[in-house]
PDB file of N, CA and C in Angstrom:
ATOM      1  N   MET A   1     -17.975  37.302  -2.300  1.00  0.00           N
ATOM      2  CA  MET A   1     -16.986  37.761  -1.349  1.00  0.00           C
ATOM      3  C   MET A   1     -15.614  37.202  -1.748  1.00  0.00           C
ATOM      4  N   TYR A   2     -14.607  37.991  -1.530  1.00  0.00           N
ATOM      5  CA  TYR A   2     -13.248  37.623  -1.905  1.00  0.00           C
ATOM      6  C   TYR A   2     -12.567  36.833  -0.781  1.00  0.00           C
ATOM      7  N   PHE A   3     -11.996  35.690  -1.137  1.00  0.00           N
ATOM      8  CA  PHE A   3     -11.209  34.913  -0.185  1.00  0.00           C
ATOM      9  C   PHE A   3      -9.799  34.769  -0.739  1.00  0.00           C
ATOM     10  N   PRO A   4      -8.792  35.051   0.077  1.00  0.00           N
ATOM     11  CA  PRO A   4      -7.404  34.927  -0.390  1.00  0.00           C
ATOM     12  C   PRO A   4      -7.046  33.485  -0.740  1.00  0.00           C
ATOM     13  N   LYS A   5      -5.885  33.325  -1.314  1.00  0.00           N
ATOM     14  CA  LYS A   5      -5.462  32.046  -1.872  1.00  0.00           C
ATOM     15  C   LYS A   5      -5.408  30.920  -0.833  1.00  0.00           C
ATOM     16  N   TYR A   6      -4.827  31.156   0.314  1.00  0.00           N
ATOM     17  CA  TYR A   6      -4.634  30.099   1.311  1.00  0.00           C
ATOM     18  C   TYR A   6      -5.698  30.104   2.399  1.00  0.00           C
ATOM     19  N   PHE A   7      -6.810  30.800   2.168  1.00  0.00           N
ATOM     20  CA  PHE A   7      -7.826  30.937   3.213  1.00  0.00           C
ATOM     21  C   PHE A   7      -8.410  29.595   3.633  1.00  0.00           C
ATOM     22  N   TYR A   8      -8.814  28.773   2.676  1.00  0.00           N
ATOM     23  CA  TYR A   8      -9.488  27.521   3.015  1.00  0.00           C
ATOM     24  C   TYR A   8      -8.556  26.544   3.734  1.00  0.00           C
ATOM     25  N   LEU A   9      -7.301  26.524   3.360  1.00  0.00           N
ATOM     26  CA  LEU A   9      -6.342  25.669   4.044  1.00  0.00           C
ATOM     27  C   LEU A   9      -6.179  26.103   5.500  1.00  0.00           C
ATOM     28  N   LEU A  10      -5.973  27.388   5.704  1.00  0.00           N
ATOM     29  CA  LEU A  10      -5.814  27.895   7.063  1.00  0.00           C
ATOM     30  C   LEU A  10      -7.093  27.755   7.874  1.00  0.00           C
ATOM     31  N   MET A  11      -8.230  27.964   7.241  1.00  0.00           N
ATOM     32  CA  MET A  11      -9.505  27.832   7.942  1.00  0.00           C
ATOM     33  C   MET A  11      -9.741  26.395   8.368  1.00  0.00           C
ATOM     34  N   GLY A  12      -9.400  25.449   7.521  1.00  0.00           N
ATOM     35  CA  GLY A  12      -9.536  24.034   7.887  1.00  0.00           C
ATOM     36  C   GLY A  12      -8.676  23.667   9.091  1.00  0.00           C
ATOM     37  N   ILE A  13      -7.445  24.130   9.092  1.00  0.00           N
ATOM     38  CA  ILE A  13      -6.551  23.858  10.222  1.00  0.00           C
ATOM     39  C   ILE A  13      -7.099  24.495  11.501  1.00  0.00           C
ATOM     40  N   CYS A  14      -7.553  25.742  11.405  1.00  0.00           N
ATOM     41  CA  CYS A  14      -8.089  26.427  12.582  1.00  0.00           C
ATOM     42  C   CYS A  14      -9.371  25.771  13.091  1.00  0.00           C
ATOM     43  N   VAL A  15     -10.217  25.296  12.190  1.00  0.00           N
ATOM     44  CA  VAL A  15     -11.460  24.648  12.612  1.00  0.00           C
ATOM     45  C   VAL A  15     -11.155  23.344  13.334  1.00  0.00           C
ATOM     46  N   ILE A  16     -10.211  22.573  12.832  1.00  0.00           N
ATOM     47  CA  ILE A  16      -9.842  21.316  13.506  1.00  0.00           C
ATOM     48  C   ILE A  16      -9.305  21.594  14.909  1.00  0.00           C
ATOM     49  N   ILE A  17      -8.469  22.592  15.033  1.00  0.00           N
ATOM     50  CA  ILE A  17      -7.930  22.952  16.346  1.00  0.00           C
ATOM     51  C   ILE A  17      -9.056  23.465  17.250  1.00  0.00           C
ATOM     52  N   SER A  18      -9.964  24.260  16.707  1.00  0.00           N
ATOM     53  CA  SER A  18     -11.073  24.794  17.504  1.00  0.00           C
ATOM     54  C   SER A  18     -12.000  23.690  17.988  1.00  0.00           C
ATOM     55  N   ILE A  19     -12.270  22.707  17.135  1.00  0.00           N
ATOM     56  CA  ILE A  19     -13.116  21.582  17.543  1.00  0.00           C
ATOM     57  C   ILE A  19     -12.460  20.832  18.698  1.00  0.00           C
ATOM     58  N   GLY A  20     -11.159  20.621  18.612  1.00  0.00           N
ATOM     59  CA  GLY A  20     -10.440  19.963  19.712  1.00  0.00           C
ATOM     60  C   GLY A  20     -10.524  20.760  21.006  1.00  0.00           C
ATOM     61  N   VAL A  21     -10.391  22.059  20.920  1.00  0.00           N
ATOM     62  CA  VAL A  21     -10.481  22.904  22.118  1.00  0.00           C
ATOM     63  C   VAL A  21     -11.891  22.860  22.694  1.00  0.00           C
ATOM     64  N   VAL A  22     -12.906  22.902  21.846  1.00  0.00           N
ATOM     65  CA  VAL A  22     -14.292  22.864  22.327  1.00  0.00           C
ATOM     66  C   VAL A  22     -14.589  21.526  22.996  1.00  0.00           C
ATOM     67  N   ILE A  23     -14.141  20.431  22.411  1.00  0.00           N
ATOM     68  CA  ILE A  23     -14.363  19.109  23.024  1.00  0.00           C
ATOM     69  C   ILE A  23     -13.643  19.021  24.362  1.00  0.00           C
ATOM     70  N   PHE A  24     -12.412  19.519  24.421  1.00  0.00           N
ATOM     71  CA  PHE A  24     -11.684  19.519  25.686  1.00  0.00           C
ATOM     72  C   PHE A  24     -12.402  20.372  26.724  1.00  0.00           C
ATOM     73  N   PHE A  25     -12.907  21.533  26.317  1.00  0.00           N
ATOM     74  CA  PHE A  25     -13.612  22.428  27.236  1.00  0.00           C
ATOM     75  C   PHE A  25     -14.905  21.790  27.731  1.00  0.00           C
ATOM     76  N   ALA A  26     -15.619  21.099  26.831  1.00  0.00           N
ATOM     77  CA  ALA A  26     -16.899  20.490  27.205  1.00  0.00           C
ATOM     78  C   ALA A  26     -16.727  19.322  28.167  1.00  0.00           C
ATOM     79  N   LYS A  27     -15.618  18.607  28.075  1.00  0.00           N
ATOM     80  CA  LYS A  27     -15.412  17.409  28.908  1.00  0.00           C
ATOM     81  C   LYS A  27     -14.220  17.566  29.838  1.00  0.00           C
ATOM     82  N   ARG A  28     -13.990  18.760  30.325  1.00  0.00           N
ATOM     83  CA  ARG A  28     -12.778  18.995  31.076  1.00  0.00           C
ATOM     84  C   ARG A  28     -12.821  18.475  32.500  1.00  0.00           C
ATOM     85  N   HIS A  29     -13.982  18.076  32.996  1.00  0.00           N
ATOM     86  CA  HIS A  29     -14.054  17.546  34.352  1.00  0.00           C
ATOM     87  C   HIS A  29     -14.720  16.178  34.325  1.00  0.00           C
ATOM     88  N   ARG A  30     -14.239  15.268  35.192  1.00  0.00           N
ATOM     89  CA  ARG A  30     -14.807  13.903  35.204  1.00  0.00           C
ATOM     90  C   ARG A  30     -16.234  13.888  35.725  1.00  0.00           C
ATOM     91  N   ASN A  31     -16.544  14.756  36.659  1.00  0.00           N
ATOM     92  CA  ASN A  31     -17.886  14.807  37.225  1.00  0.00           C
ATOM     93  C   ASN A  31     -18.796  15.602  36.291  1.00  0.00           C
ATOM     94  N   PRO A  32     -19.871  14.989  35.767  1.00  0.00           N
ATOM     95  CA  PRO A  32     -20.745  15.696  34.820  1.00  0.00           C
ATOM     96  C   PRO A  32     -21.407  16.941  35.406  1.00  0.00           C
ATOM     97  N   LYS A  33     -21.581  16.997  36.722  1.00  0.00           N
ATOM     98  CA  LYS A  33     -22.218  18.164  37.340  1.00  0.00           C
ATOM     99  C   LYS A  33     -21.303  19.384  37.329  1.00  0.00           C
ATOM    100  N   LEU A  34     -20.010  19.172  37.227  1.00  0.00           N
ATOM    101  CA  LEU A  34     -19.053  20.266  37.244  1.00  0.00           C
ATOM    102  C   LEU A  34     -18.605  20.693  35.844  1.00  0.00           C
ATOM    103  N   ARG A  35     -19.146  20.037  34.830  1.00  0.00           N
ATOM    104  CA  ARG A  35     -18.816  20.421  33.455  1.00  0.00           C
ATOM    105  C   ARG A  35     -19.566  21.693  33.074  1.00  0.00           C
ATOM    106  N   PRO A  36     -19.029  22.426  32.079  1.00  0.00           N
ATOM    107  CA  PRO A  36     -19.736  23.644  31.643  1.00  0.00           C
ATOM    108  C   PRO A  36     -21.071  23.301  30.998  1.00  0.00           C
ATOM    109  N   LYS A  37     -22.007  24.241  31.091  1.00  0.00           N
ATOM    110  CA  LYS A  37     -23.332  24.038  30.500  1.00  0.00           C
ATOM    111  C   LYS A  37     -23.237  24.127  28.980  1.00  0.00           C
ATOM    112  N   LYS A  38     -24.279  23.645  28.307  1.00  0.00           N
ATOM    113  CA  LYS A  38     -24.282  23.646  26.836  1.00  0.00           C
ATOM    114  C   LYS A  38     -24.185  25.060  26.270  1.00  0.00           C
ATOM    115  N   GLY A  39     -24.820  26.006  26.916  1.00  0.00           N
ATOM    116  CA  GLY A  39     -24.757  27.391  26.450  1.00  0.00           C
ATOM    117  C   GLY A  39     -23.343  27.949  26.528  1.00  0.00           C
ATOM    118  N   GLU A  40     -22.625  27.595  27.590  1.00  0.00           N
ATOM    119  CA  GLU A  40     -21.246  28.058  27.724  1.00  0.00           C
ATOM    120  C   GLU A  40     -20.349  27.444  26.656  1.00  0.00           C
ATOM    121  N   VAL A  41     -20.555  26.169  26.396  1.00  0.00           N
ATOM    122  CA  VAL A  41     -19.775  25.490  25.357  1.00  0.00           C
ATOM    123  C   VAL A  41     -20.089  26.100  23.993  1.00  0.00           C
ATOM    124  N   LEU A  42     -21.362  26.384  23.736  1.00  0.00           N
ATOM    125  CA  LEU A  42     -21.759  26.995  22.469  1.00  0.00           C
ATOM    126  C   LEU A  42     -21.134  28.383  22.320  1.00  0.00           C
ATOM    127  N   LEU A  43     -21.119  29.158  23.395  1.00  0.00           N
ATOM    128  CA  LEU A  43     -20.522  30.485  23.347  1.00  0.00           C
ATOM    129  C   LEU A  43     -19.021  30.409  23.040  1.00  0.00           C
ATOM    130  N   VAL A  44     -18.328  29.491  23.695  1.00  0.00           N
ATOM    131  CA  VAL A  44     -16.892  29.317  23.434  1.00  0.00           C
ATOM    132  C   VAL A  44     -16.668  28.872  21.987  1.00  0.00           C
ATOM    133  N   ALA A  45     -17.530  27.975  21.488  1.00  0.00           N
ATOM    134  CA  ALA A  45     -17.395  27.499  20.111  1.00  0.00           C
ATOM    135  C   ALA A  45     -17.593  28.644  19.117  1.00  0.00           C
ATOM    136  N   ILE A  46     -18.605  29.473  19.346  1.00  0.00           N
ATOM    137  CA  ILE A  46     -18.855  30.597  18.433  1.00  0.00           C
ATOM    138  C   ILE A  46     -17.670  31.553  18.431  1.00  0.00           C
ATOM    139  N   ILE A  47     -17.157  31.864  19.615  1.00  0.00           N
ATOM    140  CA  ILE A  47     -16.007  32.774  19.705  1.00  0.00           C
ATOM    141  C   ILE A  47     -14.792  32.176  19.001  1.00  0.00           C
ATOM    142  N   LEU A  48     -14.536  30.905  19.202  1.00  0.00           N
ATOM    143  CA  LEU A  48     -13.387  30.264  18.553  1.00  0.00           C
ATOM    144  C   LEU A  48     -13.525  30.227  17.032  1.00  0.00           C
ATOM    145  N   PHE A  49     -14.723  29.910  16.536  1.00  0.00           N
ATOM    146  CA  PHE A  49     -14.896  29.822  15.087  1.00  0.00           C
ATOM    147  C   PHE A  49     -14.837  31.203  14.430  1.00  0.00           C
ATOM    148  N   MET A  50     -15.359  32.217  15.111  1.00  0.00           N
ATOM    149  CA  MET A  50     -15.236  33.572  14.571  1.00  0.00           C
ATOM    150  C   MET A  50     -13.776  34.010  14.567  1.00  0.00           C
ATOM    151  N   GLY A  51     -13.062  33.700  15.643  1.00  0.00           N
ATOM    152  CA  GLY A  51     -11.637  34.014  15.695  1.00  0.00           C
ATOM    153  C   GLY A  51     -10.855  33.260  14.634  1.00  0.00           C
ATOM    154  N   SER A  52     -11.249  32.026  14.377  1.00  0.00           N
ATOM    155  CA  SER A  52     -10.577  31.238  13.343  1.00  0.00           C
ATOM    156  C   SER A  52     -10.764  31.869  11.969  1.00  0.00           C
ATOM    157  N   GLY A  53     -11.972  32.340  11.689  1.00  0.00           N
ATOM    158  CA  GLY A  53     -12.232  32.986  10.402  1.00  0.00           C
ATOM    159  C   GLY A  53     -11.410  34.252  10.233  1.00  0.00           C
ATOM    160  N   PHE A  54     -11.371  35.085  11.276  1.00  0.00           N
ATOM    161  CA  PHE A  54     -10.589  36.314  11.210  1.00  0.00           C
ATOM    162  C   PHE A  54      -9.109  36.000  11.050  1.00  0.00           C
ATOM    163  N   PHE A  55      -8.603  35.084  11.862  1.00  0.00           N
ATOM    164  CA  PHE A  55      -7.181  34.729  11.793  1.00  0.00           C
ATOM    165  C   PHE A  55      -6.828  34.160  10.425  1.00  0.00           C
ATOM    166  N   SER A  56      -7.688  33.298   9.885  1.00  0.00           N
ATOM    167  CA  SER A  56      -7.427  32.685   8.578  1.00  0.00           C
ATOM    168  C   SER A  56      -7.405  33.732   7.473  1.00  0.00           C
ATOM    169  N   HIS A  57      -8.368  34.633   7.491  1.00  0.00           N
ATOM    170  CA  HIS A  57      -8.426  35.652   6.441  1.00  0.00           C
ATOM    171  C   HIS A  57      -7.236  36.596   6.541  1.00  0.00           C
ATOM    172  N   PHE A  58      -6.915  37.039   7.744  1.00  0.00           N
ATOM    173  CA  PHE A  58      -5.801  37.962   7.949  1.00  0.00           C
ATOM    174  C   PHE A  58      -4.477  37.317   7.541  1.00  0.00           C
ATOM    175  N   THR A  59      -4.244  36.087   7.967  1.00  0.00           N
ATOM    176  CA  THR A  59      -2.995  35.397   7.643  1.00  0.00           C
ATOM    177  C   THR A  59      -2.898  35.098   6.156  1.00  0.00           C
ATOM    178  N   ALA A  60      -4.007  34.694   5.545  1.00  0.00           N
ATOM    179  CA  ALA A  60      -3.994  34.423   4.107  1.00  0.00           C
ATOM    180  C   ALA A  60      -3.724  35.691   3.309  1.00  0.00           C
ATOM    181  N   GLU A  61      -4.250  36.827   3.760  1.00  0.00           N
ATOM    182  CA  GLU A  61      -3.951  38.101   3.099  1.00  0.00           C
ATOM    183  C   GLU A  61      -2.466  38.420   3.195  1.00  0.00           C
ATOM    184  N   LEU A  62      -1.874  38.166   4.350  1.00  0.00           N
ATOM    185  CA  LEU A  62      -0.444  38.422   4.499  1.00  0.00           C
ATOM    186  C   LEU A  62       0.384  37.504   3.611  1.00  0.00           C
ATOM    187  N   LEU A  63      -0.039  36.258   3.471  1.00  0.00           N
ATOM    188  CA  LEU A  63       0.710  35.305   2.647  1.00  0.00           C
ATOM    189  C   LEU A  63       0.610  35.618   1.159  1.00  0.00           C
ATOM    190  N   THR A  64      -0.504  36.202   0.736  1.00  0.00           N
ATOM    191  CA  THR A  64      -0.686  36.461  -0.694  1.00  0.00           C
ATOM    192  C   THR A  64      -0.323  37.887  -1.088  1.00  0.00           C
ATOM    193  N   THR A  65       0.122  38.708  -0.147  1.00  0.00           N
ATOM    194  CA  THR A  65       0.483  40.086  -0.461  1.00  0.00           C
ATOM    195  C   THR A  65       1.732  40.111  -1.328  1.00  0.00           C
ATOM    196  N   ASP A  66       1.685  40.925  -2.387  1.00  0.00           N
ATOM    197  CA  ASP A  66       2.828  41.074  -3.273  1.00  0.00           C
ATOM    198  C   ASP A  66       3.738  42.143  -2.684  1.00  0.00           C
ATOM    199  N   PHE A  67       4.747  41.707  -1.968  1.00  0.00           N
ATOM    200  CA  PHE A  67       5.662  42.635  -1.308  1.00  0.00           C
ATOM    201  C   PHE A  67       6.852  42.869  -2.211  1.00  0.00           C
ATOM    202  N   ASP A  68       6.860  44.024  -2.850  1.00  0.00           N
ATOM    203  CA  ASP A  68       7.957  44.408  -3.728  1.00  0.00           C
ATOM    204  C   ASP A  68       8.631  45.631  -3.123  1.00  0.00           C
ATOM    205  N   GLU A  69       9.808  45.429  -2.586  1.00  0.00           N
ATOM    206  CA  GLU A  69      10.501  46.489  -1.862  1.00  0.00           C
ATOM    207  C   GLU A  69      10.824  47.684  -2.759  1.00  0.00           C
ATOM    208  N   GLU A  70      11.244  47.427  -3.968  1.00  0.00           N
ATOM    209  CA  GLU A  70      11.587  48.516  -4.883  1.00  0.00           C
ATOM    210  C   GLU A  70      10.362  49.356  -5.240  1.00  0.00           C
ATOM    211  N   ARG A  71       9.225  48.696  -5.468  1.00  0.00           N
ATOM    212  CA  ARG A  71       8.006  49.412  -5.800  1.00  0.00           C
ATOM    213  C   ARG A  71       7.585  50.312  -4.643  1.00  0.00           C
ATOM    214  N   ILE A  72       7.684  49.821  -3.417  1.00  0.00           N
ATOM    215  CA  ILE A  72       7.319  50.612  -2.245  1.00  0.00           C
ATOM    216  C   ILE A  72       8.259  51.801  -2.082  1.00  0.00           C
ATOM    217  N   LYS A  73       9.560  51.594  -2.300  1.00  0.00           N
ATOM    218  CA  LYS A  73      10.517  52.692  -2.213  1.00  0.00           C
ATOM    219  C   LYS A  73      10.217  53.755  -3.272  1.00  0.00           C
ATOM    220  N   ASN A  74       9.900  53.315  -4.488  1.00  0.00           N
ATOM    221  CA  ASN A  74       9.584  54.266  -5.553  1.00  0.00           C
ATOM    222  C   ASN A  74       8.322  55.072  -5.223  1.00  0.00           C
ATOM    223  N   LYS A  75       7.312  54.421  -4.640  1.00  0.00           N
ATOM    224  CA  LYS A  75       6.102  55.133  -4.246  1.00  0.00           C
ATOM    225  C   LYS A  75       6.399  56.158  -3.162  1.00  0.00           C
ATOM    226  N   MET A  76       7.256  55.795  -2.216  1.00  0.00           N
ATOM    227  CA  MET A  76       7.603  56.738  -1.152  1.00  0.00           C
ATOM    228  C   MET A  76       8.364  57.938  -1.699  1.00  0.00           C
ATOM    229  N   LYS A  77       9.292  57.695  -2.633  1.00  0.00           N
ATOM    230  CA  LYS A  77      10.044  58.804  -3.228  1.00  0.00           C
ATOM    231  C   LYS A  77       9.124  59.714  -4.029  1.00  0.00           C
ATOM    232  N   ALA A  78       8.187  59.120  -4.763  1.00  0.00           N
ATOM    233  CA  ALA A  78       7.252  59.927  -5.552  1.00  0.00           C
ATOM    234  C   ALA A  78       6.350  60.752  -4.635  1.00  0.00           C
ATOM    235  N   ALA A  79       5.934  60.179  -3.509  1.00  0.00           N
ATOM    236  CA  ALA A  79       5.092  60.915  -2.573  1.00  0.00           C
ATOM    237  C   ALA A  79       5.860  62.066  -1.943  1.00  0.00           C
ATOM    238  N   GLN A  80       7.129  61.853  -1.659  1.00  0.00           N
ATOM    239  CA  GLN A  80       7.942  62.924  -1.093  1.00  0.00           C
ATOM    240  C   GLN A  80       8.152  64.035  -2.109  1.00  0.00           C
ATOM    241  N   ALA A  81       8.320  63.675  -3.359  1.00  0.00           N
ATOM    242  CA  ALA A  81       8.500  64.685  -4.397  1.00  0.00           C
ATOM    243  C   ALA A  81       7.233  65.520  -4.580  1.00  0.00           C
ATOM    244  N   ARG A  82       6.073  64.885  -4.415  1.00  0.00           N
ATOM    245  CA  ARG A  82       4.809  65.624  -4.533  1.00  0.00           C
ATOM    246  C   ARG A  82       4.509  66.424  -3.278  1.00  0.00           C
ATOM    247  N   GLY A  83       5.208  66.135  -2.195  1.00  0.00           N
ATOM    248  CA  GLY A  83       4.986  66.868  -0.960  1.00  0.00           C
ATOM    249  C   GLY A  83       3.931  66.265  -0.065  1.00  0.00           C
ATOM    250  N   LEU A  84       3.533  65.024  -0.326  1.00  0.00           N
ATOM    251  CA  LEU A  84       2.516  64.394   0.504  1.00  0.00           C
ATOM    252  C   LEU A  84       3.103  63.766   1.751  1.00  0.00           C
ATOM    253  N   SER A  85       4.381  63.494   1.724  1.00  0.00           N
ATOM    254  CA  SER A  85       5.000  62.831   2.854  1.00  0.00           C
ATOM    255  C   SER A  85       6.393  63.407   3.034  1.00  0.00           C
ATOM    256  N   ASP A  86       6.613  64.044   4.152  1.00  0.00           N
ATOM    257  CA  ASP A  86       7.903  64.651   4.427  1.00  0.00           C
ATOM    258  C   ASP A  86       8.532  63.959   5.625  1.00  0.00           C
ATOM    259  N   PRO A  87       9.765  63.443   5.491  1.00  0.00           N
ATOM    260  CA  PRO A  87      10.385  62.773   6.634  1.00  0.00           C
ATOM    261  C   PRO A  87      10.536  63.685   7.852  1.00  0.00           C
ATOM    262  N   GLY A  88      10.595  64.992   7.619  1.00  0.00           N
ATOM    263  CA  GLY A  88      10.686  65.928   8.734  1.00  0.00           C
ATOM    264  C   GLY A  88       9.389  66.032   9.510  1.00  0.00           C
ATOM    265  N   GLY A  89       8.312  65.559   8.950  1.00  0.00           N
ATOM    266  CA  GLY A  89       7.044  65.525   9.642  1.00  0.00           C
ATOM    267  C   GLY A  89       6.107  66.668   9.321  1.00  0.00           C
ATOM    268  N   SER A  90       6.528  67.639   8.515  1.00  0.00           N
ATOM    269  CA  SER A  90       5.663  68.791   8.269  1.00  0.00           C
ATOM    270  C   SER A  90       4.652  68.519   7.164  1.00  0.00           C
ATOM    271  N   GLY A  91       5.031  67.737   6.160  1.00  0.00           N
ATOM    272  CA  GLY A  91       4.130  67.472   5.044  1.00  0.00           C
ATOM    273  C   GLY A  91       4.054  68.616   4.057  1.00  0.00           C
ATOM    274  N   VAL A  92       4.910  69.620   4.194  1.00  0.00           N
ATOM    275  CA  VAL A  92       4.919  70.778   3.296  1.00  0.00           C
ATOM    276  C   VAL A  92       6.234  70.788   2.539  1.00  0.00           C
ATOM    277  N   ARG A  93       6.161  71.030   1.250  1.00  0.00           N
ATOM    278  CA  ARG A  93       7.378  71.050   0.441  1.00  0.00           C
ATOM    279  C   ARG A  93       8.247  72.240   0.820  1.00  0.00           C
ATOM    280  N   PRO A  94       9.581  72.066   0.789  1.00  0.00           N
ATOM    281  CA  PRO A  94      10.466  73.167   1.160  1.00  0.00           C
ATOM    282  C   PRO A  94      10.310  74.391   0.262  1.00  0.00           C
ATOM    283  N   ASP A  95      10.101  74.207  -1.046  1.00  0.00           N
ATOM    284  CA  ASP A  95       9.946  75.369  -1.914  1.00  0.00           C
ATOM    285  C   ASP A  95       8.651  76.120  -1.602  1.00  0.00           C
ATOM    286  N   ARG A  96       7.630  75.420  -1.178  1.00  0.00           N
ATOM    287  CA  ARG A  96       6.366  76.061  -0.797  1.00  0.00           C
ATOM    288  C   ARG A  96       6.523  76.825   0.513  1.00  0.00           C
ATOM    289  N   VAL A  97       7.339  76.315   1.417  1.00  0.00           N
ATOM    290  CA  VAL A  97       7.588  77.010   2.675  1.00  0.00           C
ATOM    291  C   VAL A  97       8.287  78.333   2.395  1.00  0.00           C
ATOM    292  N   ASN A  98       9.241  78.333   1.460  1.00  0.00           N
ATOM    293  CA  ASN A  98       9.939  79.567   1.122  1.00  0.00           C
ATOM    294  C   ASN A  98       8.986  80.593   0.517  1.00  0.00           C
ATOM    295  N   GLU A  99       8.076  80.151  -0.356  1.00  0.00           N
ATOM    296  CA  GLU A  99       7.107  81.063  -0.948  1.00  0.00           C
ATOM    297  C   GLU A  99       6.193  81.654   0.115  1.00  0.00           C
ATOM    298  N   GLN A 100       5.735  80.833   1.036  1.00  0.00           N
ATOM    299  CA  GLN A 100       4.852  81.316   2.087  1.00  0.00           C
ATOM    300  C   GLN A 100       5.594  82.255   3.024  1.00  0.00           C
ATOM    301  N   GLY A 101       6.878  81.962   3.256  1.00  0.00           N
ATOM    302  CA  GLY A 101       7.659  82.809   4.144  1.00  0.00           C
ATOM    303  C   GLY A 101       7.820  84.207   3.585  1.00  0.00           C
ATOM    304  N   VAL A 102       7.980  84.318   2.270  1.00  0.00           N
ATOM    305  CA  VAL A 102       8.151  85.631   1.644  1.00  0.00           C
ATOM    306  C   VAL A 102       6.826  86.377   1.615  1.00  0.00           C
ATOM    307  N   GLU A 103       5.746  85.687   1.242  1.00  0.00           N
ATOM    308  CA  GLU A 103       4.464  86.362   1.064  1.00  0.00           C
ATOM    309  C   GLU A 103       3.781  86.669   2.383  1.00  0.00           C
ATOM    310  N   GLY A 104       3.785  85.734   3.288  1.00  0.00           N
ATOM    311  CA  GLY A 104       2.950  85.898   4.472  1.00  0.00           C
ATOM    312  C   GLY A 104       3.719  86.012   5.760  1.00  0.00           C
ATOM    313  N   ALA A 105       4.846  86.692   5.761  1.00  0.00           N
ATOM    314  CA  ALA A 105       5.618  86.812   6.992  1.00  0.00           C
ATOM    315  C   ALA A 105       4.874  87.645   8.022  1.00  0.00           C
ATOM    316  N   ALA A 106       4.178  88.653   7.583  1.00  0.00           N
ATOM    317  CA  ALA A 106       3.467  89.509   8.528  1.00  0.00           C
ATOM    318  C   ALA A 106       2.113  88.933   8.904  1.00  0.00           C
ATOM    319  N   ALA A 107       1.685  87.893   8.215  1.00  0.00           N
ATOM    320  CA  ALA A 107       0.364  87.333   8.456  1.00  0.00           C
ATOM    321  C   ALA A 107       0.345  86.344   9.609  1.00  0.00           C
ATOM    322  N   VAL A 108       1.476  86.138  10.287  1.00  0.00           N
ATOM    323  CA  VAL A 108       1.529  85.178  11.379  1.00  0.00           C
ATOM    324  C   VAL A 108       0.956  85.834  12.621  1.00  0.00           C
ATOM    325  N   ASP A 109      -0.129  85.284  13.114  1.00  0.00           N
ATOM    326  CA  ASP A 109      -0.739  85.792  14.340  1.00  0.00           C
ATOM    327  C   ASP A 109      -0.388  84.850  15.479  1.00  0.00           C
ATOM    328  N   LEU A 110       0.341  85.343  16.437  1.00  0.00           N
ATOM    329  CA  LEU A 110       0.738  84.539  17.585  1.00  0.00           C
ATOM    330  C   LEU A 110      -0.058  84.955  18.805  1.00  0.00           C
ATOM    331  N   PRO A 111      -0.353  84.007  19.661  1.00  0.00           N
ATOM    332  CA  PRO A 111      -1.017  84.395  20.901  1.00  0.00           C
ATOM    333  C   PRO A 111      -0.082  85.240  21.765  1.00  0.00           C
ATOM    334  N   SER A 112      -0.656  86.028  22.642  1.00  0.00           N
ATOM    335  CA  SER A 112       0.151  86.938  23.452  1.00  0.00           C
ATOM    336  C   SER A 112       1.033  86.202  24.450  1.00  0.00           C
ATOM    337  N   ASP A 113       0.675  84.962  24.793  1.00  0.00           N
ATOM    338  CA  ASP A 113       1.482  84.226  25.762  1.00  0.00           C
ATOM    339  C   ASP A 113       2.579  83.386  25.103  1.00  0.00           C
ATOM    340  N   ALA A 114       2.810  83.544  23.808  1.00  0.00           N
ATOM    341  CA  ALA A 114       3.872  82.805  23.116  1.00  0.00           C
ATOM    342  C   ALA A 114       5.233  83.330  23.571  1.00  0.00           C
ATOM    343  N   PRO A 115       6.210  82.436  23.720  1.00  0.00           N
ATOM    344  CA  PRO A 115       7.545  82.878  24.144  1.00  0.00           C
ATOM    345  C   PRO A 115       8.188  83.806  23.107  1.00  0.00           C
ATOM    346  N   ASP A 116       9.041  84.665  23.590  1.00  0.00           N
ATOM    347  CA  ASP A 116       9.695  85.639  22.718  1.00  0.00           C
ATOM    348  C   ASP A 116      10.592  84.982  21.682  1.00  0.00           C
ATOM    349  N   GLU A 117      11.220  83.847  22.041  1.00  0.00           N
ATOM    350  CA  GLU A 117      12.110  83.171  21.095  1.00  0.00           C
ATOM    351  C   GLU A 117      11.339  82.696  19.862  1.00  0.00           C
ATOM    352  N   ILE A 118      10.126  82.187  20.076  1.00  0.00           N
ATOM    353  CA  ILE A 118       9.327  81.702  18.952  1.00  0.00           C
ATOM    354  C   ILE A 118       8.902  82.866  18.059  1.00  0.00           C
ATOM    355  N   LYS A 119       8.537  83.994  18.680  1.00  0.00           N
ATOM    356  CA  LYS A 119       8.143  85.175  17.904  1.00  0.00           C
ATOM    357  C   LYS A 119       9.306  85.662  17.036  1.00  0.00           C
ATOM    358  N   GLU A 120      10.514  85.661  17.597  1.00  0.00           N
ATOM    359  CA  GLU A 120      11.686  86.113  16.839  1.00  0.00           C
ATOM    360  C   GLU A 120      11.983  85.183  15.680  1.00  0.00           C
ATOM    361  N   ILE A 121      11.877  83.866  15.914  1.00  0.00           N
ATOM    362  CA  ILE A 121      12.160  82.886  14.862  1.00  0.00           C
ATOM    363  C   ILE A 121      11.171  83.047  13.719  1.00  0.00           C
ATOM    364  N   LEU A 122       9.896  83.215  14.027  1.00  0.00           N
ATOM    365  CA  LEU A 122       8.874  83.309  12.995  1.00  0.00           C
ATOM    366  C   LEU A 122       8.941  84.637  12.238  1.00  0.00           C
ATOM    367  N   GLN A 123       9.398  85.681  12.880  1.00  0.00           N
ATOM    368  CA  GLN A 123       9.480  86.948  12.207  1.00  0.00           C
ATOM    369  C   GLN A 123      10.700  87.047  11.307  1.00  0.00           C
ATOM    370  N   ASP A 124      11.728  86.232  11.541  1.00  0.00           N
ATOM    371  CA  ASP A 124      12.938  86.243  10.700  1.00  0.00           C
ATOM    372  C   ASP A 124      12.756  85.557   9.404  1.00  0.00           C
TER     373      ASP A 124
END
């Protein structure tokens, strides 16, 4: 299994903090009859340690990520040129829209309850 670079450091810190929280939770009342049962303490410990593992892995991944702004910009420009990502939200290249408009103008089937303005725009 793959562990990021700072995983063990972060996991150690989280485990120490979790142990402190579990000890505080287990002995939070002076009267032993009012303290949480062993099963409750175990459940809290399991939840904390699982959360520590997730937090450590997620944070370590963020710390080791190679964030290169120029590379990301170049990928976005290349995707836009290929037509995979359009800032307008359509995802279709403008030259392809023009080709479809010429070939399939009559192929647009609109429901009968569509407003007249939309029908006029699509037919033009």
